[in-house]
Amino acid sequence: MPAELEKHGLKQVDYIFCLNDTDGHWDTMGQLIAPQGHICTIVENEQPLNMEQLKLKSASLHVEFMFTRSIFNTPDIARQGEILQQTAKLLDAGKITTSLSKTLAGMNVETLTRAHRLVREGHMRGKVVITC
């Protein structure tokens, strides 16, 4: 990532949105985030994250989890329904599309192993669905 950013004349960025492998990208994100920048992730980390680079830069980490409102019955829980309704409208209008990229047939050990391997290798774009 640093080399790609440098091609565009950038050494650091103000915002990073991490959509996969937080653990694998963490050190690079720490290098690339600008002082007082923001990193957002929707991906669970498997290892504790070293916060020293963020602390040094006074950068922020924002974690988004789809089920927070319902798990904790937050005061704004109705907002989740509004978001889902808006998403349905955008889907129906064709303004957003599914991220489905691979469908595997058969709910069995071999298919589950193959699907898991595809995701864990880190080269997958989109979602994998297993049909029965």
C-alpha atoms as a PDB file:
ATOM      1  CA  MET A   1       0.000   0.000   0.000  1.00  0.00           C
ATOM      2  CA  PRO A   2       2.690   2.574   0.791  1.00  0.00           C
ATOM      3  CA  ALA A   3       4.230   2.225  -2.687  1.00  0.00           C
ATOM      4  CA  GLU A   4       0.824   2.588  -4.345  1.00  0.00           C
ATOM      5  CA  LEU A   5       0.070   5.741  -2.361  1.00  0.00           C
ATOM      6  CA  GLU A   6       3.464   7.211  -3.210  1.00  0.00           C
ATOM      7  CA  LYS A   7       2.655   6.798  -6.917  1.00  0.00           C
ATOM      8  CA  HIS A   8      -0.120   9.306  -6.245  1.00  0.00           C
ATOM      9  CA  GLY A   9       2.092  11.643  -4.252  1.00  0.00           C
ATOM     10  CA  LEU A  10       0.755  10.570  -0.863  1.00  0.00           C
ATOM     11  CA  LYS A  11       2.721   9.453   2.174  1.00  0.00           C
ATOM     12  CA  GLN A  12      -0.156   9.452   4.664  1.00  0.00           C
ATOM     13  CA  VAL A  13      -3.942   9.615   4.557  1.00  0.00           C
ATOM     14  CA  ASP A  14      -6.557  11.098   6.876  1.00  0.00           C
ATOM     15  CA  TYR A  15      -8.992   8.181   6.640  1.00  0.00           C
ATOM     16  CA  ILE A  16      -8.660   4.412   6.265  1.00  0.00           C
ATOM     17  CA  PHE A  17     -11.632   2.041   5.927  1.00  0.00           C
ATOM     18  CA  CYS A  18     -10.471  -1.530   6.534  1.00  0.00           C
ATOM     19  CA  LEU A  19     -12.771  -4.151   5.020  1.00  0.00           C
ATOM     20  CA  ASN A  20     -10.623  -7.248   5.515  1.00  0.00           C
ATOM     21  CA  ASP A  21      -7.816  -8.673   7.637  1.00  0.00           C
ATOM     22  CA  THR A  22      -7.388  -5.984  10.267  1.00  0.00           C
ATOM     23  CA  ASP A  23      -4.572  -8.010  11.848  1.00  0.00           C
ATOM     24  CA  GLY A  24      -2.683  -8.336   8.568  1.00  0.00           C
ATOM     25  CA  HIS A  25      -2.986  -4.650   7.654  1.00  0.00           C
ATOM     26  CA  TRP A  26      -2.644  -3.136  11.129  1.00  0.00           C
ATOM     27  CA  ASP A  27       1.047  -2.157  11.021  1.00  0.00           C
ATOM     28  CA  THR A  28       0.698  -0.664   7.542  1.00  0.00           C
ATOM     29  CA  MET A  29      -2.399   1.284   8.558  1.00  0.00           C
ATOM     30  CA  GLY A  30      -0.490   2.634  11.550  1.00  0.00           C
ATOM     31  CA  GLN A  31       2.263   3.855   9.233  1.00  0.00           C
ATOM     32  CA  LEU A  32      -0.117   5.362   6.676  1.00  0.00           C
ATOM     33  CA  ILE A  33      -2.584   7.130   8.938  1.00  0.00           C
ATOM     34  CA  ALA A  34      -1.890  10.843   9.294  1.00  0.00           C
ATOM     35  CA  PRO A  35      -1.696  12.554  12.679  1.00  0.00           C
ATOM     36  CA  GLN A  36      -5.260  12.978  14.020  1.00  0.00           C
ATOM     37  CA  GLY A  37      -6.521  10.637  11.286  1.00  0.00           C
ATOM     38  CA  HIS A  38      -9.262   8.039  11.551  1.00  0.00           C
ATOM     39  CA  ILE A  39      -9.213   4.284  10.943  1.00  0.00           C
ATOM     40  CA  CYS A  40     -12.536   2.460  10.696  1.00  0.00           C
ATOM     41  CA  THR A  41     -12.871  -1.299  10.542  1.00  0.00           C
ATOM     42  CA  ILE A  42     -15.790  -3.684  10.258  1.00  0.00           C
ATOM     43  CA  VAL A  43     -13.558  -6.736  10.645  1.00  0.00           C
ATOM     44  CA  GLU A  44     -12.869  -8.570  13.884  1.00  0.00           C
ATOM     45  CA  ASN A  45      -9.228  -8.784  14.865  1.00  0.00           C
ATOM     46  CA  GLU A  46      -7.864 -12.083  16.116  1.00  0.00           C
ATOM     47  CA  GLN A  47      -4.850 -10.642  17.943  1.00  0.00           C
ATOM     48  CA  PRO A  48      -4.637  -7.667  20.319  1.00  0.00           C
ATOM     49  CA  LEU A  49      -3.897  -4.513  18.328  1.00  0.00           C
ATOM     50  CA  ASN A  50      -0.813  -2.458  19.209  1.00  0.00           C
ATOM     51  CA  MET A  51      -2.197   1.038  19.748  1.00  0.00           C
ATOM     52  CA  GLU A  52       1.167   2.817  20.084  1.00  0.00           C
ATOM     53  CA  GLN A  53       1.248   4.280  16.547  1.00  0.00           C
ATOM     54  CA  LEU A  54      -2.295   5.583  16.923  1.00  0.00           C
ATOM     55  CA  LYS A  55      -1.499   7.032  20.342  1.00  0.00           C
ATOM     56  CA  LEU A  56       1.622   8.752  19.025  1.00  0.00           C
ATOM     57  CA  LYS A  57      -0.370  10.303  16.171  1.00  0.00           C
ATOM     58  CA  SER A  58      -3.521  11.010  18.223  1.00  0.00           C
ATOM     59  CA  ALA A  59      -5.354   8.981  15.589  1.00  0.00           C
ATOM     60  CA  SER A  60      -8.720   7.351  16.222  1.00  0.00           C
ATOM     61  CA  LEU A  61      -9.920   3.795  15.744  1.00  0.00           C
ATOM     62  CA  HIS A  62     -13.615   3.358  14.975  1.00  0.00           C
ATOM     63  CA  VAL A  63     -15.137  -0.106  15.055  1.00  0.00           C
ATOM     64  CA  GLU A  64     -18.503  -0.694  13.432  1.00  0.00           C
ATOM     65  CA  PHE A  65     -20.552  -3.786  14.255  1.00  0.00           C
ATOM     66  CA  MET A  66     -23.949  -4.351  12.666  1.00  0.00           C
ATOM     67  CA  PHE A  67     -25.618  -5.879  15.720  1.00  0.00           C
ATOM     68  CA  THR A  68     -24.510  -3.464  18.469  1.00  0.00           C
ATOM     69  CA  ARG A  69     -27.912  -1.768  18.659  1.00  0.00           C
ATOM     70  CA  SER A  70     -29.856  -5.018  18.997  1.00  0.00           C
ATOM     71  CA  ILE A  71     -27.407  -6.755  21.354  1.00  0.00           C
ATOM     72  CA  PHE A  72     -27.328  -3.839  23.775  1.00  0.00           C
ATOM     73  CA  ASN A  73     -30.815  -2.461  23.073  1.00  0.00           C
ATOM     74  CA  THR A  74     -29.370   1.013  22.545  1.00  0.00           C
ATOM     75  CA  PRO A  75     -31.654   4.074  22.680  1.00  0.00           C
ATOM     76  CA  ASP A  76     -31.346   4.471  18.890  1.00  0.00           C
ATOM     77  CA  ILE A  77     -32.304   0.857  18.090  1.00  0.00           C
ATOM     78  CA  ALA A  78     -35.035   2.045  15.679  1.00  0.00           C
ATOM     79  CA  ARG A  79     -32.253   3.441  13.496  1.00  0.00           C
ATOM     80  CA  GLN A  80     -31.304  -0.138  12.548  1.00  0.00           C
ATOM     81  CA  GLY A  81     -34.731  -0.635  10.954  1.00  0.00           C
ATOM     82  CA  GLU A  82     -34.386   2.668   9.086  1.00  0.00           C
ATOM     83  CA  ILE A  83     -30.994   1.613   7.741  1.00  0.00           C
ATOM     84  CA  LEU A  84     -32.361  -1.764   6.609  1.00  0.00           C
ATOM     85  CA  GLN A  85     -35.362  -0.105   4.902  1.00  0.00           C
ATOM     86  CA  GLN A  86     -33.077   2.320   3.063  1.00  0.00           C
ATOM     87  CA  THR A  87     -30.803  -0.545   2.039  1.00  0.00           C
ATOM     88  CA  ALA A  88     -33.795  -2.485   0.670  1.00  0.00           C
ATOM     89  CA  LYS A  89     -34.866   0.558  -1.383  1.00  0.00           C
ATOM     90  CA  LEU A  90     -31.358   0.945  -2.810  1.00  0.00           C
ATOM     91  CA  LEU A  91     -31.244  -2.770  -3.683  1.00  0.00           C
ATOM     92  CA  ASP A  92     -34.677  -2.640  -5.333  1.00  0.00           C
ATOM     93  CA  ALA A  93     -33.633   0.438  -7.330  1.00  0.00           C
ATOM     94  CA  GLY A  94     -30.453  -1.280  -8.508  1.00  0.00           C
ATOM     95  CA  LYS A  95     -28.268   1.405  -6.929  1.00  0.00           C
ATOM     96  CA  ILE A  96     -26.369  -1.163  -4.886  1.00  0.00           C
ATOM     97  CA  THR A  97     -25.723  -4.772  -5.733  1.00  0.00           C
ATOM     98  CA  THR A  98     -24.756  -7.900  -3.887  1.00  0.00           C
ATOM     99  CA  SER A  99     -21.114  -8.630  -3.227  1.00  0.00           C
ATOM    100  CA  LEU A 100     -21.690 -12.329  -3.973  1.00  0.00           C
ATOM    101  CA  SER A 101     -18.794 -13.605  -6.044  1.00  0.00           C
ATOM    102  CA  LYS A 102     -18.743 -17.370  -5.476  1.00  0.00           C
ATOM    103  CA  THR A 103     -21.454 -19.977  -4.940  1.00  0.00           C
ATOM    104  CA  LEU A 104     -20.502 -23.467  -3.798  1.00  0.00           C
ATOM    105  CA  ALA A 105     -22.943 -26.370  -3.782  1.00  0.00           C
ATOM    106  CA  GLY A 106     -23.355 -28.907  -1.010  1.00  0.00           C
ATOM    107  CA  MET A 107     -23.431 -28.458   2.733  1.00  0.00           C
ATOM    108  CA  ASN A 108     -20.632 -30.852   3.657  1.00  0.00           C
ATOM    109  CA  VAL A 109     -17.159 -30.860   5.168  1.00  0.00           C
ATOM    110  CA  GLU A 110     -15.379 -30.583   1.801  1.00  0.00           C
ATOM    111  CA  THR A 111     -17.424 -27.576   0.664  1.00  0.00           C
ATOM    112  CA  LEU A 112     -17.096 -25.829   4.029  1.00  0.00           C
ATOM    113  CA  THR A 113     -13.341 -26.420   3.978  1.00  0.00           C
ATOM    114  CA  ARG A 114     -13.078 -25.035   0.441  1.00  0.00           C
ATOM    115  CA  ALA A 115     -15.157 -21.950   1.297  1.00  0.00           C
ATOM    116  CA  HIS A 116     -13.134 -21.303   4.435  1.00  0.00           C
ATOM    117  CA  ARG A 117      -9.861 -21.651   2.511  1.00  0.00           C
ATOM    118  CA  LEU A 118     -11.040 -19.174  -0.156  1.00  0.00           C
ATOM    119  CA  VAL A 119     -11.799 -16.563   2.482  1.00  0.00           C
ATOM    120  CA  ARG A 120      -8.719 -17.157   4.659  1.00  0.00           C
ATOM    121  CA  GLU A 121      -6.292 -16.933   1.715  1.00  0.00           C
ATOM    122  CA  GLY A 122      -7.124 -13.224   1.563  1.00  0.00           C
ATOM    123  CA  HIS A 123      -7.595 -12.943  -2.205  1.00  0.00           C
ATOM    124  CA  MET A 124     -11.373 -13.255  -2.227  1.00  0.00           C
ATOM    125  CA  ARG A 125     -13.453 -10.329  -3.405  1.00  0.00           C
ATOM    126  CA  GLY A 126     -17.059 -10.433  -2.331  1.00  0.00           C
ATOM    127  CA  LYS A 127     -18.926 -13.125  -0.479  1.00  0.00           C
ATOM    128  CA  VAL A 128     -18.987 -16.905  -0.692  1.00  0.00           C
ATOM    129  CA  VAL A 129     -22.367 -18.638  -0.417  1.00  0.00           C
ATOM    130  CA  ILE A 130     -22.888 -22.345   0.181  1.00  0.00           C
ATOM    131  CA  THR A 131     -26.153 -23.803  -1.106  1.00  0.00           C
ATOM    132  CA  CYS A 132     -27.702 -27.010   0.221  1.00  0.00           C
END
